[in-house]
Amino acid sequence: MSVNLYILWAAILAALACQVIFARETAWIYILSGMLCGTFYFIVRKITNGKLGTADVLFGIFQGLFLVPKLMPLCFGIECLVTLFVINQRLGKEKFPFIPFMSVGLIATFIIQVIIM
């Protein structure tokens, strides 16, 4: 249940470089979105007394680098629904990593973003 932070930092830097290279005019929106998403998960981490790890916050920054800010609530909603569905079906009160659910939310919202825009 641990994620190597160096891999997440490399992913964040690679995504940031791709945004700056390939989306020069709109890169600031994705950078802002990454900062907002990372801040959201950081606040959730503080409210829940560290239930989310540092990797979850860093993955939130990575997640935000791919989504426009107006679709972030949709991403958070998908993550919560998938998490609640899986917890009710299989896990019960066991500990589980949150990054797989964040990945599902990112992929689903990114597909919706590509279709809409």
N, C-alpha and C. Protein backbone atom coordinates (compact mmCIF):
# COMPACT_ATOMS: atom_id res chain seq x y z
N MET A 1 0.82 -1.19 0.00
CA MET A 1 0.00 0.00 0.00
C MET A 1 0.86 1.25 0.00
N SER A 2 2.05 1.14 -0.55
CA SER A 2 2.89 2.33 -0.63
C SER A 2 3.25 2.60 -2.07
N VAL A 3 3.41 3.86 -2.37
CA VAL A 3 3.76 4.30 -3.71
C VAL A 3 5.07 5.05 -3.61
N ASN A 4 5.98 4.74 -4.52
CA ASN A 4 7.26 5.43 -4.53
C ASN A 4 7.05 6.89 -4.94
N LEU A 5 7.44 7.81 -4.08
CA LEU A 5 7.22 9.23 -4.33
C LEU A 5 8.05 9.74 -5.49
N TYR A 6 9.19 9.12 -5.74
CA TYR A 6 10.02 9.54 -6.87
C TYR A 6 9.33 9.30 -8.20
N ILE A 7 8.58 8.21 -8.28
CA ILE A 7 7.83 7.92 -9.50
C ILE A 7 6.74 8.97 -9.70
N LEU A 8 6.06 9.35 -8.63
CA LEU A 8 5.03 10.39 -8.74
C LEU A 8 5.62 11.73 -9.13
N TRP A 9 6.77 12.10 -8.55
CA TRP A 9 7.40 13.36 -8.93
C TRP A 9 7.82 13.34 -10.40
N ALA A 10 8.35 12.21 -10.86
CA ALA A 10 8.72 12.09 -12.28
C ALA A 10 7.49 12.21 -13.18
N ALA A 11 6.38 11.60 -12.77
CA ALA A 11 5.15 11.69 -13.55
C ALA A 11 4.62 13.12 -13.59
N ILE A 12 4.69 13.81 -12.46
CA ILE A 12 4.23 15.20 -12.41
C ILE A 12 5.09 16.07 -13.31
N LEU A 13 6.40 15.92 -13.24
CA LEU A 13 7.29 16.72 -14.08
C LEU A 13 7.11 16.40 -15.56
N ALA A 14 6.90 15.12 -15.90
CA ALA A 14 6.67 14.75 -17.30
C ALA A 14 5.35 15.33 -17.81
N ALA A 15 4.30 15.26 -17.00
CA ALA A 15 3.01 15.82 -17.41
C ALA A 15 3.09 17.34 -17.55
N LEU A 16 3.79 17.97 -16.65
CA LEU A 16 3.97 19.42 -16.71
C LEU A 16 4.77 19.82 -17.95
N ALA A 17 5.81 19.08 -18.25
CA ALA A 17 6.61 19.36 -19.44
C ALA A 17 5.77 19.19 -20.71
N CYS A 18 4.96 18.15 -20.75
CA CYS A 18 4.09 17.94 -21.92
C CYS A 18 3.09 19.07 -22.08
N GLN A 19 2.52 19.53 -20.98
CA GLN A 19 1.57 20.65 -21.06
C GLN A 19 2.26 21.91 -21.56
N VAL A 20 3.45 22.19 -21.08
CA VAL A 20 4.16 23.40 -21.49
C VAL A 20 4.61 23.30 -22.95
N ILE A 21 5.03 22.12 -23.38
CA ILE A 21 5.51 21.96 -24.75
C ILE A 21 4.36 21.93 -25.75
N PHE A 22 3.32 21.15 -25.47
CA PHE A 22 2.28 20.91 -26.47
C PHE A 22 1.05 21.80 -26.34
N ALA A 23 0.83 22.40 -25.19
CA ALA A 23 -0.35 23.26 -25.00
C ALA A 23 0.12 24.59 -24.43
N ARG A 24 0.92 25.29 -25.17
CA ARG A 24 1.55 26.51 -24.67
C ARG A 24 0.54 27.57 -24.25
N GLU A 25 -0.52 27.77 -25.04
CA GLU A 25 -1.48 28.83 -24.72
C GLU A 25 -2.37 28.49 -23.54
N THR A 26 -2.66 27.22 -23.36
CA THR A 26 -3.59 26.82 -22.30
C THR A 26 -2.90 26.10 -21.14
N ALA A 27 -1.59 26.08 -21.12
CA ALA A 27 -0.88 25.35 -20.07
C ALA A 27 -1.17 25.92 -18.68
N TRP A 28 -1.42 27.21 -18.59
CA TRP A 28 -1.67 27.83 -17.29
C TRP A 28 -2.94 27.29 -16.64
N ILE A 29 -3.94 26.94 -17.46
CA ILE A 29 -5.19 26.39 -16.91
C ILE A 29 -4.91 25.04 -16.26
N TYR A 30 -4.12 24.22 -16.91
CA TYR A 30 -3.83 22.90 -16.36
C TYR A 30 -2.92 22.99 -15.14
N ILE A 31 -2.02 23.95 -15.13
CA ILE A 31 -1.17 24.16 -13.95
C ILE A 31 -2.03 24.61 -12.77
N LEU A 32 -2.96 25.53 -13.03
CA LEU A 32 -3.90 25.98 -12.00
C LEU A 32 -4.75 24.82 -11.50
N SER A 33 -5.20 23.99 -12.40
CA SER A 33 -6.02 22.84 -12.03
C SER A 33 -5.22 21.87 -11.17
N GLY A 34 -3.96 21.65 -11.50
CA GLY A 34 -3.11 20.78 -10.69
C GLY A 34 -2.93 21.32 -9.28
N MET A 35 -2.75 22.64 -9.19
CA MET A 35 -2.59 23.26 -7.87
C MET A 35 -3.88 23.16 -7.06
N LEU A 36 -5.02 23.38 -7.71
CA LEU A 36 -6.31 23.28 -7.01
C LEU A 36 -6.58 21.87 -6.53
N CYS A 37 -6.33 20.91 -7.38
CA CYS A 37 -6.60 19.52 -7.02
C CYS A 37 -5.66 19.06 -5.90
N GLY A 38 -4.40 19.40 -6.00
CA GLY A 38 -3.46 19.07 -4.93
C GLY A 38 -3.83 19.71 -3.62
N THR A 39 -4.28 20.97 -3.67
CA THR A 39 -4.72 21.67 -2.46
C THR A 39 -5.94 21.00 -1.86
N PHE A 40 -6.88 20.58 -2.71
CA PHE A 40 -8.07 19.89 -2.22
C PHE A 40 -7.70 18.63 -1.45
N TYR A 41 -6.82 17.80 -2.03
CA TYR A 41 -6.44 16.56 -1.36
C TYR A 41 -5.60 16.84 -0.12
N PHE A 42 -4.82 17.91 -0.13
CA PHE A 42 -4.06 18.28 1.06
C PHE A 42 -5.00 18.67 2.20
N ILE A 43 -6.04 19.43 1.88
CA ILE A 43 -7.03 19.82 2.89
C ILE A 43 -7.76 18.58 3.43
N VAL A 44 -8.12 17.67 2.51
CA VAL A 44 -8.77 16.43 2.96
C VAL A 44 -7.83 15.64 3.86
N ARG A 45 -6.55 15.62 3.52
CA ARG A 45 -5.58 14.91 4.36
C ARG A 45 -5.52 15.52 5.76
N LYS A 46 -5.53 16.84 5.85
CA LYS A 46 -5.48 17.50 7.16
C LYS A 46 -6.77 17.28 7.95
N ILE A 47 -7.91 17.33 7.27
CA ILE A 47 -9.19 17.14 7.96
C ILE A 47 -9.31 15.72 8.50
N THR A 48 -8.84 14.74 7.74
CA THR A 48 -8.96 13.34 8.15
C THR A 48 -7.78 12.85 8.99
N ASN A 49 -6.95 13.77 9.45
CA ASN A 49 -5.80 13.44 10.30
C ASN A 49 -4.85 12.45 9.65
N GLY A 50 -4.53 12.68 8.38
CA GLY A 50 -3.53 11.87 7.71
C GLY A 50 -4.00 10.56 7.14
N LYS A 51 -5.31 10.37 6.97
CA LYS A 51 -5.80 9.12 6.37
C LYS A 51 -5.33 9.00 4.93
N LEU A 52 -5.28 10.12 4.21
CA LEU A 52 -4.68 10.12 2.87
C LEU A 52 -3.19 10.32 3.04
N GLY A 53 -2.42 9.66 2.20
CA GLY A 53 -0.97 9.78 2.30
C GLY A 53 -0.43 10.88 1.41
N THR A 54 0.87 11.08 1.50
CA THR A 54 1.54 12.06 0.65
C THR A 54 1.40 11.70 -0.82
N ALA A 55 1.43 10.41 -1.12
CA ALA A 55 1.29 9.97 -2.51
C ALA A 55 -0.08 10.34 -3.07
N ASP A 56 -1.11 10.31 -2.24
CA ASP A 56 -2.44 10.71 -2.71
C ASP A 56 -2.48 12.19 -3.08
N VAL A 57 -1.84 13.01 -2.29
CA VAL A 57 -1.78 14.44 -2.58
C VAL A 57 -1.00 14.69 -3.86
N LEU A 58 0.14 14.02 -4.02
CA LEU A 58 0.94 14.18 -5.23
C LEU A 58 0.20 13.65 -6.46
N PHE A 59 -0.53 12.54 -6.31
CA PHE A 59 -1.31 12.05 -7.43
C PHE A 59 -2.44 13.02 -7.76
N GLY A 60 -2.94 13.73 -6.77
CA GLY A 60 -3.93 14.77 -7.03
C GLY A 60 -3.36 15.88 -7.90
N ILE A 61 -2.11 16.27 -7.66
CA ILE A 61 -1.47 17.27 -8.52
C ILE A 61 -1.34 16.72 -9.93
N PHE A 62 -0.90 15.47 -10.05
CA PHE A 62 -0.78 14.82 -11.35
C PHE A 62 -2.14 14.77 -12.05
N GLN A 63 -3.15 14.43 -11.31
CA GLN A 63 -4.50 14.33 -11.83
C GLN A 63 -4.98 15.68 -12.37
N GLY A 64 -4.70 16.74 -11.63
CA GLY A 64 -5.14 18.06 -12.04
C GLY A 64 -4.45 18.57 -13.29
N LEU A 65 -3.27 18.06 -13.60
CA LEU A 65 -2.56 18.51 -14.80
C LEU A 65 -3.21 18.03 -16.09
N PHE A 66 -4.20 17.16 -15.99
CA PHE A 66 -4.88 16.66 -17.18
C PHE A 66 -6.32 17.15 -17.32
N LEU A 67 -6.86 17.76 -16.29
CA LEU A 67 -8.27 18.14 -16.31
C LEU A 67 -8.43 19.65 -16.16
N VAL A 68 -9.45 20.19 -16.83
CA VAL A 68 -9.76 21.60 -16.63
C VAL A 68 -10.47 21.76 -15.29
N PRO A 69 -10.33 22.93 -14.66
CA PRO A 69 -10.90 23.10 -13.32
C PRO A 69 -12.40 22.87 -13.22
N LYS A 70 -13.16 23.16 -14.27
CA LYS A 70 -14.61 23.01 -14.15
C LYS A 70 -15.05 21.55 -14.11
N LEU A 71 -14.18 20.61 -14.49
CA LEU A 71 -14.53 19.20 -14.42
C LEU A 71 -13.99 18.49 -13.18
N MET A 72 -13.31 19.22 -12.31
CA MET A 72 -12.77 18.62 -11.11
C MET A 72 -13.86 18.07 -10.18
N PRO A 73 -14.98 18.80 -9.97
CA PRO A 73 -16.03 18.21 -9.12
C PRO A 73 -16.59 16.89 -9.67
N LEU A 74 -16.66 16.78 -11.00
CA LEU A 74 -17.11 15.53 -11.60
C LEU A 74 -16.12 14.40 -11.28
N CYS A 75 -14.85 14.70 -11.36
CA CYS A 75 -13.80 13.71 -11.05
C CYS A 75 -13.90 13.27 -9.59
N PHE A 76 -14.05 14.24 -8.68
CA PHE A 76 -14.18 13.90 -7.25
C PHE A 76 -15.43 13.07 -7.00
N GLY A 77 -16.51 13.39 -7.68
CA GLY A 77 -17.75 12.63 -7.52
C GLY A 77 -17.62 11.20 -8.00
N ILE A 78 -16.97 11.01 -9.16
CA ILE A 78 -16.76 9.66 -9.68
C ILE A 78 -15.90 8.86 -8.71
N GLU A 79 -14.85 9.48 -8.19
CA GLU A 79 -13.99 8.79 -7.23
C GLU A 79 -14.77 8.35 -6.00
N CYS A 80 -15.59 9.24 -5.48
CA CYS A 80 -16.37 8.91 -4.27
C CYS A 80 -17.37 7.80 -4.53
N LEU A 81 -18.06 7.86 -5.67
CA LEU A 81 -19.05 6.82 -5.98
C LEU A 81 -18.40 5.46 -6.16
N VAL A 82 -17.30 5.42 -6.89
CA VAL A 82 -16.61 4.14 -7.10
C VAL A 82 -16.08 3.61 -5.77
N THR A 83 -15.53 4.49 -4.94
CA THR A 83 -15.01 4.06 -3.64
C THR A 83 -16.13 3.50 -2.77
N LEU A 84 -17.24 4.20 -2.70
CA LEU A 84 -18.36 3.72 -1.88
C LEU A 84 -18.91 2.39 -2.40
N PHE A 85 -18.98 2.24 -3.71
CA PHE A 85 -19.47 0.99 -4.28
C PHE A 85 -18.55 -0.17 -3.93
N VAL A 86 -17.25 0.02 -4.08
CA VAL A 86 -16.30 -1.05 -3.80
C VAL A 86 -16.24 -1.36 -2.31
N ILE A 87 -16.27 -0.35 -1.47
CA ILE A 87 -16.23 -0.58 -0.02
C ILE A 87 -17.45 -1.37 0.42
N ASN A 88 -18.62 -1.01 -0.10
CA ASN A 88 -19.84 -1.72 0.30
C ASN A 88 -19.86 -3.15 -0.22
N GLN A 89 -19.22 -3.40 -1.35
CA GLN A 89 -19.28 -4.74 -1.94
C GLN A 89 -18.23 -5.69 -1.39
N ARG A 90 -17.00 -5.20 -1.16
CA ARG A 90 -15.93 -6.14 -0.87
C ARG A 90 -15.15 -5.86 0.41
N LEU A 91 -14.75 -4.65 0.62
CA LEU A 91 -13.72 -4.39 1.61
C LEU A 91 -14.23 -4.26 3.04
N GLY A 92 -15.41 -3.75 3.22
CA GLY A 92 -15.90 -3.56 4.57
C GLY A 92 -15.07 -2.51 5.29
N LYS A 93 -14.45 -2.89 6.39
CA LYS A 93 -13.68 -1.93 7.18
C LYS A 93 -12.17 -2.12 7.02
N GLU A 94 -11.76 -2.83 5.99
CA GLU A 94 -10.33 -3.03 5.76
C GLU A 94 -9.69 -1.75 5.23
N LYS A 95 -8.38 -1.63 5.43
CA LYS A 95 -7.65 -0.51 4.87
C LYS A 95 -7.44 -0.77 3.37
N PHE A 96 -7.50 0.28 2.59
CA PHE A 96 -7.32 0.14 1.15
C PHE A 96 -6.65 1.39 0.60
N PRO A 97 -5.90 1.24 -0.48
CA PRO A 97 -5.27 2.42 -1.09
C PRO A 97 -6.31 3.21 -1.88
N PHE A 98 -6.15 4.52 -1.92
CA PHE A 98 -7.12 5.38 -2.60
C PHE A 98 -6.70 5.71 -4.03
N ILE A 99 -5.43 5.53 -4.38
CA ILE A 99 -4.95 5.90 -5.71
C ILE A 99 -5.67 5.14 -6.83
N PRO A 100 -6.00 3.86 -6.70
CA PRO A 100 -6.75 3.22 -7.79
C PRO A 100 -8.10 3.89 -8.07
N PHE A 101 -8.77 4.37 -7.03
CA PHE A 101 -10.04 5.05 -7.23
C PHE A 101 -9.82 6.43 -7.86
N MET A 102 -8.71 7.07 -7.49
CA MET A 102 -8.37 8.34 -8.11
C MET A 102 -8.06 8.15 -9.59
N SER A 103 -7.44 7.03 -9.93
CA SER A 103 -7.14 6.73 -11.32
C SER A 103 -8.42 6.52 -12.13
N VAL A 104 -9.38 5.82 -11.56
CA VAL A 104 -10.66 5.61 -12.25
C VAL A 104 -11.35 6.96 -12.49
N GLY A 105 -11.35 7.82 -11.49
CA GLY A 105 -11.95 9.15 -11.64
C GLY A 105 -11.24 9.96 -12.70
N LEU A 106 -9.91 9.90 -12.74
CA LEU A 106 -9.15 10.64 -13.74
C LEU A 106 -9.44 10.13 -15.14
N ILE A 107 -9.42 8.84 -15.33
CA ILE A 107 -9.65 8.28 -16.67
C ILE A 107 -11.06 8.58 -17.15
N ALA A 108 -12.06 8.38 -16.30
CA ALA A 108 -13.45 8.64 -16.71
C ALA A 108 -13.66 10.11 -17.03
N THR A 109 -13.14 10.99 -16.20
CA THR A 109 -13.33 12.42 -16.43
C THR A 109 -12.54 12.89 -17.63
N PHE A 110 -11.36 12.34 -17.86
CA PHE A 110 -10.57 12.72 -19.04
C PHE A 110 -11.29 12.32 -20.32
N ILE A 111 -11.90 11.14 -20.34
CA ILE A 111 -12.67 10.71 -21.51
C ILE A 111 -13.85 11.65 -21.73
N ILE A 112 -14.55 12.01 -20.68
CA ILE A 112 -15.67 12.95 -20.80
C ILE A 112 -15.16 14.31 -21.29
N GLN A 113 -14.02 14.75 -20.79
CA GLN A 113 -13.45 16.04 -21.21
C GLN A 113 -13.10 16.02 -22.69
N VAL A 114 -12.54 14.93 -23.19
CA VAL A 114 -12.18 14.84 -24.60
C VAL A 114 -13.44 14.84 -25.47
N ILE A 115 -14.48 14.18 -25.02
CA ILE A 115 -15.73 14.14 -25.79
C ILE A 115 -16.39 15.52 -25.82
N ILE A 116 -16.41 16.22 -24.68
CA ILE A 116 -17.07 17.52 -24.60
C ILE A 116 -16.30 18.59 -25.32
N MET A 117 -15.00 18.62 -25.14
CA MET A 117 -14.20 19.71 -25.69
C MET A 117 -13.57 19.27 -26.95
